[in-house]
N, C-alpha and C. Protein backbone atom coordinates (compact mmCIF):
# COMPACT_ATOMS: atom_id res chain seq x y z
N MET A 1 235.25 156.18 153.38
CA MET A 1 235.13 155.30 154.52
C MET A 1 235.80 153.95 154.24
N ASP A 2 235.71 153.51 152.98
CA ASP A 2 236.41 152.26 152.64
C ASP A 2 237.90 152.38 152.96
N ARG A 3 238.49 153.51 152.56
CA ARG A 3 239.92 153.71 152.79
C ARG A 3 240.24 153.65 154.28
N ILE A 4 239.43 154.33 155.08
CA ILE A 4 239.66 154.32 156.53
C ILE A 4 239.56 152.91 157.08
N TYR A 5 238.53 152.19 156.68
CA TYR A 5 238.34 150.83 157.19
C TYR A 5 239.46 149.90 156.71
N LEU A 6 239.79 149.96 155.43
CA LEU A 6 240.84 149.08 154.90
C LEU A 6 242.19 149.37 155.54
N ASN A 7 242.47 150.63 155.85
CA ASN A 7 243.70 150.95 156.58
C ASN A 7 243.67 150.37 157.99
N ALA A 8 242.49 150.38 158.61
CA ALA A 8 242.38 149.91 160.00
C ALA A 8 242.53 148.40 160.12
N ILE A 9 242.28 147.65 159.06
CA ILE A 9 242.42 146.19 159.17
C ILE A 9 243.82 145.69 158.85
N GLN A 10 244.71 146.60 158.49
CA GLN A 10 246.08 146.20 158.20
C GLN A 10 246.70 145.53 159.42
N GLY A 11 247.35 144.40 159.20
CA GLY A 11 248.02 143.69 160.28
C GLY A 11 247.15 142.68 161.01
N ARG A 12 245.85 142.64 160.68
CA ARG A 12 245.00 141.64 161.33
C ARG A 12 245.32 140.25 160.80
N THR A 13 245.13 139.25 161.63
CA THR A 13 245.36 137.88 161.20
C THR A 13 244.06 137.20 160.81
N LYS A 14 242.92 137.77 161.22
CA LYS A 14 241.61 137.19 160.90
C LYS A 14 240.73 138.30 160.31
N VAL A 15 240.47 138.18 159.04
CA VAL A 15 239.62 139.18 158.39
C VAL A 15 238.52 138.42 157.65
N ARG A 16 237.33 138.49 158.19
CA ARG A 16 236.16 137.89 157.56
C ARG A 16 235.16 139.02 157.36
N THR A 17 235.40 139.82 156.35
CA THR A 17 234.63 141.04 156.23
C THR A 17 234.47 141.45 154.77
N ILE A 18 233.46 142.22 154.53
CA ILE A 18 233.27 142.86 153.23
C ILE A 18 232.85 144.30 153.49
N THR A 19 233.03 145.12 152.51
CA THR A 19 232.45 146.46 152.58
C THR A 19 231.45 146.55 151.44
N SER A 20 230.38 147.24 151.70
CA SER A 20 229.35 147.38 150.67
C SER A 20 228.60 148.68 150.90
N LYS A 21 227.89 149.08 149.88
CA LYS A 21 227.04 150.24 150.07
C LYS A 21 225.59 149.79 149.98
N PRO A 22 224.68 150.55 150.54
CA PRO A 22 223.28 150.14 150.58
C PRO A 22 222.70 149.87 149.20
N LYS A 23 221.73 148.98 149.17
CA LYS A 23 220.98 148.69 147.95
C LYS A 23 219.60 149.30 148.13
N GLY A 24 219.24 150.23 147.28
CA GLY A 24 217.93 150.86 147.39
C GLY A 24 217.79 151.54 148.74
N LYS A 25 216.73 151.25 149.47
CA LYS A 25 216.47 151.86 150.78
C LYS A 25 217.01 151.03 151.93
N PHE A 26 217.69 149.92 151.64
CA PHE A 26 218.11 149.02 152.70
C PHE A 26 219.55 149.28 153.10
N TYR A 27 219.72 149.64 154.36
CA TYR A 27 221.03 149.88 154.93
C TYR A 27 221.11 149.00 156.17
N PHE A 28 222.05 148.08 156.18
CA PHE A 28 222.18 147.19 157.33
C PHE A 28 223.17 147.80 158.31
N GLY A 29 222.71 148.04 159.51
CA GLY A 29 223.60 148.56 160.53
C GLY A 29 223.01 149.74 161.26
N GLU A 30 223.74 150.10 162.30
CA GLU A 30 223.26 151.15 163.18
C GLU A 30 223.40 152.55 162.59
N GLY A 31 224.07 152.68 161.45
CA GLY A 31 224.28 153.99 160.86
C GLY A 31 223.21 154.46 159.89
N GLN A 32 222.10 153.73 159.77
CA GLN A 32 221.08 154.09 158.78
C GLN A 32 220.59 155.52 158.91
N PRO A 33 220.26 156.04 160.10
CA PRO A 33 219.79 157.42 160.16
C PRO A 33 220.85 158.42 159.68
N LEU A 34 222.11 158.15 159.97
CA LEU A 34 223.18 159.03 159.49
C LEU A 34 223.29 158.96 157.98
N TYR A 35 223.25 157.74 157.44
CA TYR A 35 223.32 157.56 155.99
C TYR A 35 222.18 158.30 155.29
N GLU A 36 220.98 158.18 155.84
CA GLU A 36 219.83 158.85 155.25
C GLU A 36 219.97 160.37 155.29
N ALA A 37 220.79 160.89 156.22
CA ALA A 37 221.07 162.32 156.30
C ALA A 37 222.29 162.70 155.47
N ASN A 38 222.76 161.76 154.62
CA ASN A 38 223.90 161.97 153.72
C ASN A 38 225.23 162.13 154.47
N ILE A 39 225.34 161.49 155.62
CA ILE A 39 226.56 161.51 156.40
C ILE A 39 227.25 160.15 156.20
N PRO A 40 228.51 160.14 155.76
CA PRO A 40 229.21 158.87 155.56
C PRO A 40 229.27 158.07 156.85
N THR A 41 229.11 156.76 156.74
CA THR A 41 229.10 155.91 157.93
C THR A 41 229.89 154.63 157.72
N ILE A 42 230.22 154.01 158.83
CA ILE A 42 230.76 152.66 158.85
C ILE A 42 229.98 151.92 159.93
N SER A 43 229.43 150.78 159.59
CA SER A 43 228.66 150.00 160.56
C SER A 43 229.23 148.60 160.64
N LEU A 44 229.22 148.04 161.83
CA LEU A 44 229.62 146.66 162.03
C LEU A 44 228.36 145.83 162.12
N VAL A 45 228.23 144.87 161.22
CA VAL A 45 227.05 144.01 161.22
C VAL A 45 227.51 142.56 161.31
N PRO A 46 227.78 142.09 162.54
CA PRO A 46 228.15 140.68 162.67
C PRO A 46 226.91 139.81 162.49
N GLY A 47 227.05 138.73 161.78
CA GLY A 47 225.86 137.92 161.53
C GLY A 47 226.09 136.43 161.51
N PRO A 48 226.77 135.87 162.50
CA PRO A 48 226.92 134.42 162.50
C PRO A 48 225.56 133.72 162.67
N ASP A 49 225.33 132.71 161.88
CA ASP A 49 224.06 131.98 161.92
C ASP A 49 223.74 131.43 163.30
N TYR A 50 224.77 131.01 164.05
CA TYR A 50 224.50 130.38 165.34
C TYR A 50 223.85 131.34 166.34
N LEU A 51 223.91 132.65 166.08
CA LEU A 51 223.25 133.59 166.97
C LEU A 51 221.72 133.50 166.88
N CYS A 52 221.24 132.85 165.82
CA CYS A 52 219.79 132.71 165.61
C CYS A 52 219.27 131.33 166.02
N VAL A 53 220.11 130.53 166.63
CA VAL A 53 219.74 129.16 167.00
C VAL A 53 219.71 129.05 168.53
N VAL A 54 218.74 128.33 169.03
CA VAL A 54 218.65 128.11 170.47
C VAL A 54 219.48 126.89 170.82
N GLY A 55 220.38 127.05 171.74
CA GLY A 55 221.20 125.93 172.18
C GLY A 55 221.30 125.93 173.69
N GLY A 56 221.65 124.80 174.23
CA GLY A 56 221.74 124.66 175.68
C GLY A 56 222.62 125.70 176.34
N ASN A 57 223.77 125.97 175.76
CA ASN A 57 224.69 126.95 176.33
C ASN A 57 224.79 128.20 175.44
N GLY A 58 223.86 128.34 174.50
CA GLY A 58 223.89 129.49 173.60
C GLY A 58 225.01 129.43 172.58
N TYR A 59 225.62 128.27 172.44
CA TYR A 59 226.73 128.05 171.51
C TYR A 59 227.90 129.00 171.77
N ILE A 60 228.12 129.30 173.03
CA ILE A 60 229.19 130.20 173.42
C ILE A 60 230.56 129.70 172.93
N GLU A 61 230.71 128.39 172.78
CA GLU A 61 231.99 127.84 172.33
C GLU A 61 232.32 128.21 170.89
N LYS A 62 231.35 128.68 170.15
CA LYS A 62 231.59 129.05 168.75
C LYS A 62 232.15 130.46 168.61
N ILE A 63 232.12 131.23 169.66
CA ILE A 63 232.63 132.60 169.59
C ILE A 63 234.14 132.56 169.43
N ASP A 64 234.63 133.24 168.43
CA ASP A 64 236.07 133.34 168.17
C ASP A 64 236.58 134.60 168.88
N LEU A 65 237.15 134.41 170.06
CA LEU A 65 237.59 135.55 170.86
C LEU A 65 238.70 136.36 170.19
N ASP A 66 239.58 135.69 169.45
CA ASP A 66 240.64 136.41 168.75
C ASP A 66 240.06 137.31 167.66
N LEU A 67 239.08 136.77 166.91
CA LEU A 67 238.42 137.58 165.89
C LEU A 67 237.69 138.75 166.53
N MET A 68 236.98 138.49 167.62
CA MET A 68 236.25 139.55 168.31
C MET A 68 237.21 140.66 168.76
N TYR A 69 238.34 140.26 169.32
CA TYR A 69 239.33 141.24 169.78
C TYR A 69 239.84 142.08 168.62
N GLU A 70 240.15 141.43 167.48
CA GLU A 70 240.64 142.17 166.32
C GLU A 70 239.57 143.11 165.77
N GLN A 71 238.31 142.70 165.82
CA GLN A 71 237.23 143.59 165.37
C GLN A 71 237.13 144.82 166.27
N ILE A 72 237.25 144.62 167.56
CA ILE A 72 237.21 145.75 168.50
C ILE A 72 238.38 146.69 168.25
N GLU A 73 239.58 146.11 168.08
CA GLU A 73 240.76 146.93 167.76
C GLU A 73 240.55 147.73 166.48
N THR A 74 240.00 147.08 165.47
CA THR A 74 239.77 147.73 164.18
C THR A 74 238.84 148.93 164.35
N PHE A 75 237.73 148.73 165.06
CA PHE A 75 236.80 149.83 165.19
C PHE A 75 237.33 150.94 166.09
N THR A 76 238.24 150.62 167.00
CA THR A 76 238.91 151.67 167.77
C THR A 76 239.76 152.52 166.83
N LYS A 77 240.47 151.87 165.91
CA LYS A 77 241.28 152.60 164.92
C LYS A 77 240.39 153.42 163.99
N VAL A 78 239.27 152.85 163.57
CA VAL A 78 238.34 153.54 162.67
C VAL A 78 237.80 154.81 163.33
N VAL A 79 237.34 154.68 164.57
CA VAL A 79 236.78 155.83 165.28
C VAL A 79 237.85 156.92 165.44
N SER A 80 239.06 156.52 165.78
CA SER A 80 240.14 157.49 165.93
C SER A 80 240.45 158.18 164.59
N ALA A 81 240.50 157.41 163.51
CA ALA A 81 240.79 158.00 162.19
C ALA A 81 239.69 158.99 161.78
N ILE A 82 238.44 158.62 162.01
CA ILE A 82 237.33 159.52 161.66
C ILE A 82 237.39 160.78 162.54
N ASP A 83 237.66 160.59 163.81
CA ASP A 83 237.72 161.71 164.75
C ASP A 83 238.80 162.72 164.36
N HIS A 84 239.91 162.22 163.82
CA HIS A 84 241.02 163.10 163.46
C HIS A 84 240.96 163.60 162.02
N ALA A 85 240.01 163.13 161.23
CA ALA A 85 239.91 163.54 159.83
C ALA A 85 239.17 164.87 159.72
N LYS A 86 239.54 165.63 158.71
CA LYS A 86 238.80 166.85 158.39
C LYS A 86 237.52 166.46 157.67
N THR A 87 236.49 167.25 157.83
CA THR A 87 235.19 166.96 157.23
C THR A 87 235.31 166.71 155.74
N GLU A 88 236.07 167.54 155.04
CA GLU A 88 236.20 167.38 153.59
C GLU A 88 236.91 166.08 153.21
N GLU A 89 237.71 165.53 154.10
CA GLU A 89 238.37 164.25 153.84
C GLU A 89 237.36 163.10 153.89
N LEU A 90 236.32 163.25 154.70
CA LEU A 90 235.32 162.20 154.83
C LEU A 90 234.36 162.18 153.65
N GLY A 91 234.14 163.32 153.03
CA GLY A 91 233.25 163.37 151.87
C GLY A 91 231.79 163.26 152.27
N THR A 92 230.98 162.77 151.34
CA THR A 92 229.56 162.58 151.59
C THR A 92 229.21 161.13 151.30
N ALA A 93 228.07 160.72 151.80
CA ALA A 93 227.63 159.34 151.58
C ALA A 93 227.38 159.12 150.09
N GLU A 94 227.82 157.96 149.59
CA GLU A 94 227.54 157.61 148.19
C GLU A 94 226.08 157.24 148.06
N PRO A 95 225.50 157.52 146.90
CA PRO A 95 224.10 157.10 146.72
C PRO A 95 224.01 155.58 146.72
N ALA A 96 222.85 155.08 147.13
CA ALA A 96 222.63 153.64 147.17
C ALA A 96 222.65 153.05 145.77
N SER A 97 223.05 151.80 145.68
CA SER A 97 223.00 151.07 144.42
C SER A 97 221.55 150.85 144.04
N PHE A 98 221.30 150.69 142.75
CA PHE A 98 219.94 150.43 142.27
C PHE A 98 219.46 149.09 142.79
N SER A 99 218.21 149.04 143.18
CA SER A 99 217.61 147.82 143.68
C SER A 99 216.13 147.80 143.32
N LEU A 100 215.69 146.72 142.68
CA LEU A 100 214.26 146.62 142.37
C LEU A 100 213.41 146.62 143.63
N LEU A 101 213.90 145.92 144.66
CA LEU A 101 213.16 145.87 145.92
C LEU A 101 213.10 147.28 146.54
N GLY A 102 214.22 147.99 146.49
CA GLY A 102 214.24 149.36 147.00
C GLY A 102 213.31 150.26 146.21
N LEU A 103 213.22 150.04 144.90
CA LEU A 103 212.32 150.81 144.06
C LEU A 103 210.87 150.54 144.44
N LEU A 104 210.55 149.28 144.68
CA LEU A 104 209.18 148.92 145.09
C LEU A 104 208.80 149.57 146.41
N VAL A 105 209.75 149.58 147.36
CA VAL A 105 209.50 150.20 148.66
C VAL A 105 209.29 151.71 148.49
N LYS A 106 210.13 152.32 147.67
CA LYS A 106 210.07 153.75 147.44
C LYS A 106 208.76 154.13 146.74
N GLU A 107 208.38 153.36 145.75
CA GLU A 107 207.17 153.64 144.97
C GLU A 107 205.91 153.24 145.71
N GLY A 108 206.02 152.15 146.50
CA GLY A 108 204.90 151.49 147.13
C GLY A 108 204.13 152.31 148.09
């Protein structure tokens, strides 16, 4: 999935992103149920701090429309690449990284 995503961001002018794999039982994004079923996933987790602040106009002026457009384009490319890939090319979900917090949740 990293390869698919990294190929999809080629040519972008604004890239503020990282790829990561889950730590312990924590998976951030809408793909958690798929990940738990061992299905490889890619999730978009935008997290600007201003989305958590109350402002008179909702801080709409802080939205970077060019970045948003490039993110939408990227995920269109990602979905198309996944749709056209053979199952064996996608592989299986990697196991989560070790996490003490994840261990506590699992044991707890």
